[in-house]
Protein backbone atom coordinates (compact mmCIF):
# COMPACT_ATOMS: atom_id res chain seq x y z
CA UNK A 1 35.33 -26.26 -107.56
CA UNK A 2 32.46 -24.27 -108.81
CA UNK A 3 31.55 -23.10 -105.32
CA UNK A 4 35.24 -22.06 -104.67
CA UNK A 5 35.17 -20.06 -107.87
CA UNK A 6 32.03 -18.50 -106.99
CA UNK A 7 33.15 -17.54 -103.45
CA UNK A 8 36.29 -15.94 -104.95
CA UNK A 9 34.11 -13.72 -107.37
CA UNK A 10 31.80 -12.73 -104.62
CA UNK A 11 34.67 -11.62 -102.33
CA UNK A 12 36.36 -9.66 -105.22
CA UNK A 13 33.07 -8.10 -106.15
CA UNK A 14 32.59 -7.07 -102.27
CA UNK A 15 36.20 -5.73 -102.35
CA UNK A 16 35.34 -3.63 -105.43
CA UNK A 17 32.28 -2.37 -103.83
CA UNK A 18 33.90 -1.25 -100.68
CA UNK A 19 36.69 0.37 -102.47
CA UNK A 20 34.30 2.07 -104.76
CA UNK A 21 32.23 3.38 -101.86
CA UNK A 22 35.30 4.86 -100.21
CA UNK A 23 36.27 6.45 -103.34
CA UNK A 24 32.80 7.96 -103.84
CA UNK A 25 32.84 9.37 -100.36
CA UNK A 26 36.29 11.02 -100.87
CA UNK A 27 35.46 12.27 -104.18
CA UNK A 28 32.21 13.83 -103.15
CA UNK A 29 34.10 16.02 -100.58
CA UNK A 30 36.29 17.25 -103.32
CA UNK A 31 35.08 20.20 -105.59
CA UNK A 32 34.73 18.10 -108.72
CA UNK A 33 31.74 17.71 -111.20
CA UNK A 34 29.34 14.92 -110.75
CA UNK A 35 30.60 13.24 -113.97
CA UNK A 36 34.20 13.17 -112.82
CA UNK A 37 33.05 11.71 -109.49
CA UNK A 38 30.83 9.06 -111.09
CA UNK A 39 33.35 8.00 -113.69
CA UNK A 40 36.25 7.98 -111.20
CA UNK A 41 34.15 5.79 -108.67
CA UNK A 42 33.26 3.50 -111.59
CA UNK A 43 36.93 3.10 -112.65
CA UNK A 44 38.04 2.49 -109.13
CA UNK A 45 35.46 -0.16 -108.61
CA UNK A 46 36.29 -1.92 -111.87
CA UNK A 47 40.12 -1.72 -111.29
CA UNK A 48 39.67 -3.18 -107.77
CA UNK A 49 37.74 -6.01 -108.96
CA UNK A 50 40.37 -6.93 -111.61
CA UNK A 51 43.33 -6.37 -109.31
CA UNK A 52 41.86 -8.67 -106.75
CA UNK A 53 41.15 -11.20 -109.37
CA UNK A 54 44.74 -10.97 -110.61
CA UNK A 55 46.08 -11.19 -107.12
CA UNK A 56 43.94 -14.53 -106.72
CA UNK A 57 45.69 -15.89 -109.78
CA UNK A 58 49.12 -15.03 -108.54
CA UNK A 59 48.34 -16.76 -105.29
CA UNK A 60 47.03 -19.73 -107.04
CA UNK A 61 50.17 -19.98 -109.16
CA UNK A 62 52.48 -19.69 -106.20
CA UNK A 63 50.73 -22.31 -104.00
CA UNK A 64 51.85 -25.84 -104.45
CA UNK A 65 49.44 -28.25 -106.22
CA UNK A 66 46.76 -29.77 -104.14
CA UNK A 67 47.22 -33.19 -105.55
CA UNK A 68 50.84 -33.78 -104.07
CA UNK A 69 49.28 -34.50 -100.63
CA UNK A 70 51.04 -33.68 -97.45
CA UNK A 71 54.56 -34.71 -96.66
CA UNK A 72 54.59 -36.85 -93.65
CA UNK A 73 57.01 -35.86 -90.79
CA UNK A 74 57.98 -39.43 -90.02
CA UNK A 75 58.13 -42.07 -92.75
CA UNK A 76 56.26 -45.19 -91.37
CA UNK A 77 57.78 -44.90 -87.85
CA UNK A 78 56.05 -47.12 -85.50
CA UNK A 79 55.47 -45.51 -82.17
CA UNK A 80 55.97 -47.68 -78.88
CA UNK A 81 55.17 -46.77 -75.43
CA UNK A 82 57.37 -49.42 -74.15
CA UNK A 83 60.80 -48.72 -72.84
CA UNK A 84 63.81 -50.67 -73.43
CA UNK A 85 64.64 -52.75 -70.50
CA UNK A 86 68.05 -52.29 -68.99
CA UNK A 87 69.78 -53.91 -66.23
CA UNK A 88 71.16 -52.08 -63.21
CA UNK A 89 74.69 -52.57 -64.47
CA UNK A 90 73.87 -50.25 -67.58
CA UNK A 91 72.79 -47.41 -65.72
CA UNK A 92 75.08 -44.51 -65.68
CA UNK A 93 75.63 -42.42 -62.57
């Protein structure tokens, strides 16, 4: 479970970095002060990380428990490749 949690954190961090980089590029084009650009980029990065973490929690809550196992489609139905034998009188034409 540790590696799964670690992978989630790494993915959320990557999402946050990408969103922060896009925001930085957009804000550098706009005529704002440097401090406004830096603070907005930081806030978007942090908000993206926590939003992705919250979304993972919601998805985990909505998914069925893994301990239930899979529901089989057929309940102990034996499969047979043999056909039932019929006499020629039983064939409908």
